[in-house]
Amino acid sequence: MDTVRDVIGQVMDYDPTTKTLQLRPPRGGLEWDARPGDVRPATDRERLNAKVQAANCARRWGG
């Protein structure tokens, strides 16, 4: 959970040079950078909500 943007994201990479994590939305899309101190584990409720949103999006768009 990116606490600055208040959005959930999946950690895709860590850049040791800039010391940033790359996060991607659960439904796919553009990745963004976040500082490790601004990221926390998502709650069960947040993870479930993200899974439901991803499933709805996939159903809607045939993915």
C-alpha atoms as a PDB file:
ATOM      1  CA  MET A   1       0.000   0.000   0.000  1.00  0.00           C
ATOM      2  CA  ASP A   2       1.490   3.312  -1.099  1.00  0.00           C
ATOM      3  CA  THR A   3       0.601   5.581   1.804  1.00  0.00           C
ATOM      4  CA  VAL A   4       1.427   8.779  -0.100  1.00  0.00           C
ATOM      5  CA  ARG A   5      -0.884   8.021  -3.046  1.00  0.00           C
ATOM      6  CA  ASP A   6      -3.271   5.960  -0.906  1.00  0.00           C
ATOM      7  CA  VAL A   7      -3.391   3.202  -3.526  1.00  0.00           C
ATOM      8  CA  ILE A   8      -2.542  -0.470  -3.478  1.00  0.00           C
ATOM      9  CA  GLY A   9       0.202  -1.737  -5.726  1.00  0.00           C
ATOM     10  CA  GLN A  10       2.202  -4.883  -6.332  1.00  0.00           C
ATOM     11  CA  VAL A  11       5.940  -4.522  -5.841  1.00  0.00           C
ATOM     12  CA  MET A  12       7.591  -5.283  -9.170  1.00  0.00           C
ATOM     13  CA  ASP A  13      11.167  -4.146  -8.616  1.00  0.00           C
ATOM     14  CA  TYR A  14      13.579  -2.294  -6.364  1.00  0.00           C
ATOM     15  CA  ASP A  15      16.110   0.172  -7.718  1.00  0.00           C
ATOM     16  CA  PRO A  16      19.087   0.265  -5.334  1.00  0.00           C
ATOM     17  CA  THR A  17      20.525   3.303  -7.115  1.00  0.00           C
ATOM     18  CA  THR A  18      17.521   5.534  -6.395  1.00  0.00           C
ATOM     19  CA  LYS A  19      16.355   3.427  -3.428  1.00  0.00           C
ATOM     20  CA  THR A  20      12.808   3.259  -4.786  1.00  0.00           C
ATOM     21  CA  LEU A  21      10.307   0.480  -5.271  1.00  0.00           C
ATOM     22  CA  GLN A  22       8.373   0.121  -8.496  1.00  0.00           C
ATOM     23  CA  LEU A  23       4.712  -0.629  -7.870  1.00  0.00           C
ATOM     24  CA  ARG A  24       2.027  -1.653 -10.367  1.00  0.00           C
ATOM     25  CA  PRO A  25      -1.741  -1.452  -9.956  1.00  0.00           C
ATOM     26  CA  PRO A  26      -3.377  -4.874  -9.420  1.00  0.00           C
ATOM     27  CA  ARG A  27      -5.500  -4.374 -12.555  1.00  0.00           C
ATOM     28  CA  GLY A  28      -2.370  -3.652 -14.587  1.00  0.00           C
ATOM     29  CA  GLY A  29      -1.243  -0.341 -15.946  1.00  0.00           C
ATOM     30  CA  LEU A  30       1.658   1.988 -15.523  1.00  0.00           C
ATOM     31  CA  GLU A  31       4.107   1.402 -12.728  1.00  0.00           C
ATOM     32  CA  TRP A  32       5.116   4.168 -10.369  1.00  0.00           C
ATOM     33  CA  ASP A  33       7.997   4.743  -7.988  1.00  0.00           C
ATOM     34  CA  ALA A  34       7.605   4.838  -4.221  1.00  0.00           C
ATOM     35  CA  ARG A  35      10.051   5.174  -1.379  1.00  0.00           C
ATOM     36  CA  PRO A  36      10.210   2.096   0.880  1.00  0.00           C
ATOM     37  CA  GLY A  37       9.269   4.235   3.897  1.00  0.00           C
ATOM     38  CA  ASP A  38       6.044   5.249   2.156  1.00  0.00           C
ATOM     39  CA  VAL A  39       4.910   1.658   1.548  1.00  0.00           C
ATOM     40  CA  ARG A  40       3.261  -0.731   3.988  1.00  0.00           C
ATOM     41  CA  PRO A  41       1.691  -4.169   3.624  1.00  0.00           C
ATOM     42  CA  ALA A  42      -1.914  -4.014   2.477  1.00  0.00           C
ATOM     43  CA  THR A  43      -4.607  -5.116   4.893  1.00  0.00           C
ATOM     44  CA  ASP A  44      -6.728  -8.181   4.138  1.00  0.00           C
ATOM     45  CA  ARG A  45      -9.615  -5.866   3.249  1.00  0.00           C
ATOM     46  CA  GLU A  46      -7.453  -3.812   0.853  1.00  0.00           C
ATOM     47  CA  ARG A  47      -6.153  -6.971  -0.858  1.00  0.00           C
ATOM     48  CA  LEU A  48      -9.654  -8.387  -1.234  1.00  0.00           C
ATOM     49  CA  ASN A  49     -10.947  -5.108  -2.653  1.00  0.00           C
ATOM     50  CA  ALA A  50      -8.082  -5.027  -5.176  1.00  0.00           C
ATOM     51  CA  LYS A  51      -8.805  -8.633  -6.240  1.00  0.00           C
ATOM     52  CA  VAL A  52     -12.500  -7.861  -6.739  1.00  0.00           C
ATOM     53  CA  GLN A  53     -11.654  -4.772  -8.803  1.00  0.00           C
ATOM     54  CA  ALA A  54      -9.209  -6.760 -10.939  1.00  0.00           C
ATOM     55  CA  ALA A  55     -11.777  -9.532 -11.515  1.00  0.00           C
ATOM     56  CA  ASN A  56     -14.475  -7.020 -12.453  1.00  0.00           C
ATOM     57  CA  CYS A  57     -12.115  -5.292 -14.861  1.00  0.00           C
ATOM     58  CA  ALA A  58     -11.110  -8.594 -16.474  1.00  0.00           C
ATOM     59  CA  ARG A  59     -14.739  -9.638 -16.860  1.00  0.00           C
ATOM     60  CA  ARG A  60     -15.674  -6.272 -18.338  1.00  0.00           C
ATOM     61  CA  TRP A  61     -12.800  -6.193 -20.838  1.00  0.00           C
ATOM     62  CA  GLY A  62     -12.561  -9.891 -21.596  1.00  0.00           C
ATOM     63  CA  GLY A  63      -9.200 -10.404 -19.890  1.00  0.00           C
END
